[in-house]
Amino acid sequence: MVRLPLTPAEVERGERLGTLLRRARGDRSMLQTALDAGVSPETLRKIESGRVATPAFPTIAAIADVLGLSLDTLWSEINQPEQNRLVS
């Protein structure tokens, strides 16, 4: 299967997702957060850095659960323009 290139909007949304997760993780260890979510630390690192702009839904659901983030809030936050976001 050929994967189409990401649009600039998808890349931006992936960067916003990474920033939101990194901020929500705060001082928690990346390693422990990843292990608690059942993902590899490298996967979490790539998502937080925006290198994986469209991670699989179960991966994001698991990370959000560990961080205590509602999926509704997460979706809302990553789809809002910069000036309208709640998390800073």
Protein backbone atom coordinates (compact mmCIF):
# COMPACT_ATOMS: atom_id res chain seq x y z
CA MET A 1 0.00 0.00 0.00
CA VAL A 2 1.30 3.40 -0.95
CA ARG A 3 0.98 6.09 1.68
CA LEU A 4 0.17 9.56 0.40
CA PRO A 5 2.33 12.46 1.58
CA LEU A 6 0.93 14.37 4.53
CA THR A 7 -0.64 17.74 3.93
CA PRO A 8 0.82 20.77 5.70
CA ALA A 9 -2.31 20.81 7.91
CA GLU A 10 -1.70 17.18 8.96
CA VAL A 11 1.93 17.94 9.76
CA GLU A 12 0.89 20.95 11.87
CA ARG A 13 -1.74 18.90 13.70
CA GLY A 14 0.89 16.25 14.45
CA GLU A 15 3.19 18.91 15.88
CA ARG A 16 0.36 20.27 18.05
CA LEU A 17 -0.39 16.74 19.25
CA GLY A 18 3.24 16.20 20.20
CA THR A 19 3.39 19.50 22.06
CA LEU A 20 0.17 18.76 23.93
CA LEU A 21 1.35 15.30 25.00
CA ARG A 22 4.78 16.59 26.03
CA ARG A 23 3.22 19.33 28.16
CA ALA A 24 0.71 16.91 29.70
CA ARG A 25 3.55 14.52 30.55
CA GLY A 26 5.34 17.34 32.38
CA ASP A 27 8.06 15.99 34.67
CA ARG A 28 7.05 12.37 34.22
CA SER A 29 9.64 10.10 32.70
CA MET A 30 9.18 9.46 29.00
CA LEU A 31 10.24 5.85 29.58
CA GLN A 32 7.70 5.21 32.33
CA THR A 33 4.92 6.99 30.45
CA ALA A 34 5.59 4.91 27.35
CA LEU A 35 5.75 1.66 29.30
CA ASP A 36 2.54 2.48 31.18
CA ALA A 37 0.83 3.15 27.83
CA GLY A 38 2.20 -0.05 26.29
CA VAL A 39 4.17 1.73 23.57
CA SER A 40 7.88 1.94 22.96
CA PRO A 41 9.74 4.98 24.27
CA GLU A 42 10.90 5.62 20.70
CA THR A 43 7.29 5.75 19.52
CA LEU A 44 6.41 8.27 22.23
CA ARG A 45 9.53 10.29 21.40
CA LYS A 46 8.59 10.40 17.71
CA ILE A 47 5.00 11.44 18.45
CA GLU A 48 6.09 14.15 20.90
CA SER A 49 8.61 15.52 18.41
CA GLY A 50 6.07 15.55 15.57
CA ARG A 51 8.00 12.99 13.52
CA VAL A 52 4.93 10.73 13.55
CA ALA A 53 2.19 13.15 12.59
CA THR A 54 -0.58 10.58 12.25
CA PRO A 55 -0.13 7.95 14.96
CA ALA A 56 -2.59 5.09 15.29
CA PHE A 57 -5.70 5.81 17.32
CA PRO A 58 -5.09 3.03 19.90
CA THR A 59 -1.60 4.43 20.53
CA ILE A 60 -2.91 7.92 21.20
CA ALA A 61 -5.80 6.56 23.29
CA ALA A 62 -3.36 4.62 25.49
CA ILE A 63 -1.01 7.58 25.95
CA ALA A 64 -3.90 9.96 26.66
CA ASP A 65 -5.28 7.53 29.26
CA VAL A 66 -1.93 7.35 31.07
CA LEU A 67 -1.69 11.15 31.05
CA GLY A 68 -5.28 11.62 32.19
CA LEU A 69 -6.29 13.40 28.98
CA SER A 70 -9.79 13.11 27.57
CA LEU A 71 -9.78 12.13 23.90
CA ASP A 72 -12.46 14.77 23.28
CA THR A 73 -10.26 17.47 24.78
CA LEU A 74 -7.19 16.20 22.97
CA TRP A 75 -9.00 16.19 19.60
CA SER A 76 -10.43 19.63 20.22
CA GLU A 77 -7.04 21.05 21.21
CA ILE A 78 -5.07 19.73 18.27
CA ASN A 79 -7.66 20.97 15.78
CA GLN A 80 -7.83 24.55 17.03
CA PRO A 81 -5.76 27.40 15.66
CA GLU A 82 -2.88 28.49 17.93
CA GLN A 83 -4.62 31.52 19.42
CA ASN A 84 -7.71 29.53 20.51
CA ARG A 85 -6.04 26.63 22.33
CA LEU A 86 -6.64 26.05 26.04
CA VAL A 87 -3.42 24.21 26.92
CA SER A 88 -0.36 26.41 27.01
